[in-house]
Amino acid sequence: MMIEIFAAVAGASLSWAAMGSLGRSSRAQSQQDAVVRLTSAVEHIATQLEVMHLDMREERKETFGRLNSVEQRVSKLEGR
């Protein structure tokens, strides 16, 4: 009877340890997946910001080019 109790306790202990290990492994995997998703999202945002920055730079060049042209025309008109 004592051996059966010992075997039952040992079996329960092993099962408890295995379930705890699997639970930690599952949590670690889900945390790793979350980190990968967040990293991808940050990289995507960085790429979009770079594209937006380039667009703004081009738009600024065009705007200042047009403004310069208008200033030159105004100067010519004021000189008359």
C-alpha atoms as a PDB file:
ATOM      1  CA  MET A   1       0.000   0.000   0.000  1.00  0.00           C
ATOM      2  CA  MET A   2       2.843   2.393   0.791  1.00  0.00           C
ATOM      3  CA  ILE A   3       4.427   1.804  -2.631  1.00  0.00           C
ATOM      4  CA  GLU A   4       1.102   2.582  -4.340  1.00  0.00           C
ATOM      5  CA  ILE A   5       0.780   5.864  -2.442  1.00  0.00           C
ATOM      6  CA  PHE A   6       4.370   6.758  -3.294  1.00  0.00           C
ATOM      7  CA  ALA A   7       3.780   5.887  -6.957  1.00  0.00           C
ATOM      8  CA  ALA A   8       0.586   7.988  -7.029  1.00  0.00           C
ATOM      9  CA  VAL A   9       2.351  10.965  -5.436  1.00  0.00           C
ATOM     10  CA  ALA A  10       5.308  10.600  -7.801  1.00  0.00           C
ATOM     11  CA  GLY A  11       2.987  10.356 -10.814  1.00  0.00           C
ATOM     12  CA  ALA A  12       1.012  13.398  -9.696  1.00  0.00           C
ATOM     13  CA  SER A  13       4.239  15.344  -9.132  1.00  0.00           C
ATOM     14  CA  LEU A  14       5.546  14.455 -12.569  1.00  0.00           C
ATOM     15  CA  SER A  15       2.235  15.406 -14.181  1.00  0.00           C
ATOM     16  CA  TRP A  16       2.156  18.714 -12.299  1.00  0.00           C
ATOM     17  CA  ALA A  17       5.738  19.505 -13.339  1.00  0.00           C
ATOM     18  CA  ALA A  18       5.044  18.605 -16.973  1.00  0.00           C
ATOM     19  CA  MET A  19       1.891  20.751 -17.073  1.00  0.00           C
ATOM     20  CA  GLY A  20       3.752  23.679 -15.507  1.00  0.00           C
ATOM     21  CA  SER A  21       6.554  23.312 -18.030  1.00  0.00           C
ATOM     22  CA  LEU A  22       4.104  23.210 -20.942  1.00  0.00           C
ATOM     23  CA  GLY A  23       2.271  26.242 -19.583  1.00  0.00           C
ATOM     24  CA  ARG A  24       5.499  28.242 -19.348  1.00  0.00           C
ATOM     25  CA  SER A  25       6.502  27.115 -22.827  1.00  0.00           C
ATOM     26  CA  SER A  26       3.137  28.170 -24.214  1.00  0.00           C
ATOM     27  CA  ARG A  27       3.346  31.561 -22.491  1.00  0.00           C
ATOM     28  CA  ALA A  28       6.900  32.060 -23.718  1.00  0.00           C
ATOM     29  CA  GLN A  29       5.826  31.254 -27.284  1.00  0.00           C
ATOM     30  CA  SER A  30       2.887  33.667 -27.136  1.00  0.00           C
ATOM     31  CA  GLN A  31       5.158  36.368 -25.701  1.00  0.00           C
ATOM     32  CA  GLN A  32       7.681  35.741 -28.459  1.00  0.00           C
ATOM     33  CA  ASP A  33       4.905  35.987 -31.059  1.00  0.00           C
ATOM     34  CA  ALA A  34       3.765  39.275 -29.524  1.00  0.00           C
ATOM     35  CA  VAL A  35       7.309  40.660 -29.698  1.00  0.00           C
ATOM     36  CA  VAL A  36       7.584  39.640 -33.356  1.00  0.00           C
ATOM     37  CA  ARG A  37       4.245  41.289 -34.169  1.00  0.00           C
ATOM     38  CA  LEU A  38       5.203  44.489 -32.358  1.00  0.00           C
ATOM     39  CA  THR A  39       8.611  44.579 -34.038  1.00  0.00           C
ATOM     40  CA  SER A  40       6.985  44.174 -37.444  1.00  0.00           C
ATOM     41  CA  ALA A  41       4.496  46.924 -36.651  1.00  0.00           C
ATOM     42  CA  VAL A  42       7.266  49.310 -35.561  1.00  0.00           C
ATOM     43  CA  GLU A  43       9.279  48.558 -38.705  1.00  0.00           C
ATOM     44  CA  HIS A  44       6.194  49.205 -40.843  1.00  0.00           C
ATOM     45  CA  ILE A  45       5.545  52.518 -39.085  1.00  0.00           C
ATOM     46  CA  ALA A  46       9.193  53.510 -39.557  1.00  0.00           C
ATOM     47  CA  THR A  47       8.946  52.730 -43.270  1.00  0.00           C
ATOM     48  CA  GLN A  48       5.725  54.732 -43.593  1.00  0.00           C
ATOM     49  CA  LEU A  49       7.309  57.677 -41.763  1.00  0.00           C
ATOM     50  CA  GLU A  50      10.274  57.583 -44.126  1.00  0.00           C
ATOM     51  CA  VAL A  51       7.937  57.620 -47.137  1.00  0.00           C
ATOM     52  CA  MET A  52       5.967  60.491 -45.613  1.00  0.00           C
ATOM     53  CA  HIS A  53       9.189  62.394 -44.919  1.00  0.00           C
ATOM     54  CA  LEU A  54      10.310  62.006 -48.547  1.00  0.00           C
ATOM     55  CA  ASP A  55       6.877  63.109 -49.799  1.00  0.00           C
ATOM     56  CA  MET A  56       6.972  66.169 -47.549  1.00  0.00           C
ATOM     57  CA  ARG A  57      10.470  67.032 -48.748  1.00  0.00           C
ATOM     58  CA  GLU A  58       9.376  66.867 -52.401  1.00  0.00           C
ATOM     59  CA  GLU A  59       6.251  68.874 -51.681  1.00  0.00           C
ATOM     60  CA  ARG A  60       8.315  71.498 -49.834  1.00  0.00           C
ATOM     61  CA  LYS A  61      10.698  71.782 -52.814  1.00  0.00           C
ATOM     62  CA  GLU A  62       7.766  72.307 -55.154  1.00  0.00           C
ATOM     63  CA  THR A  63       6.084  74.832 -52.840  1.00  0.00           C
ATOM     64  CA  PHE A  64       9.238  76.893 -52.351  1.00  0.00           C
ATOM     65  CA  GLY A  65       9.983  76.726 -56.060  1.00  0.00           C
ATOM     66  CA  ARG A  66       6.567  78.138 -56.859  1.00  0.00           C
ATOM     67  CA  LEU A  67       6.889  80.748 -54.116  1.00  0.00           C
ATOM     68  CA  ASN A  68      10.236  81.851 -55.536  1.00  0.00           C
ATOM     69  CA  SER A  69       8.689  82.172 -58.984  1.00  0.00           C
ATOM     70  CA  VAL A  70       5.836  84.274 -57.584  1.00  0.00           C
ATOM     71  CA  GLU A  71       8.284  86.503 -55.698  1.00  0.00           C
ATOM     72  CA  GLN A  72      10.268  87.088 -58.887  1.00  0.00           C
ATOM     73  CA  ARG A  73       7.109  88.024 -60.793  1.00  0.00           C
ATOM     74  CA  VAL A  74       6.026  90.385 -58.016  1.00  0.00           C
ATOM     75  CA  SER A  75       9.475  92.005 -58.036  1.00  0.00           C
ATOM     76  CA  LYS A  76       9.230  92.556 -61.792  1.00  0.00           C
ATOM     77  CA  LEU A  77       5.762  94.078 -61.411  1.00  0.00           C
ATOM     78  CA  GLU A  78       6.919  96.348 -58.584  1.00  0.00           C
ATOM     79  CA  GLY A  79       9.878  97.480 -60.722  1.00  0.00           C
ATOM     80  CA  ARG A  80       7.602  98.817 -63.437  1.00  0.00           C
END
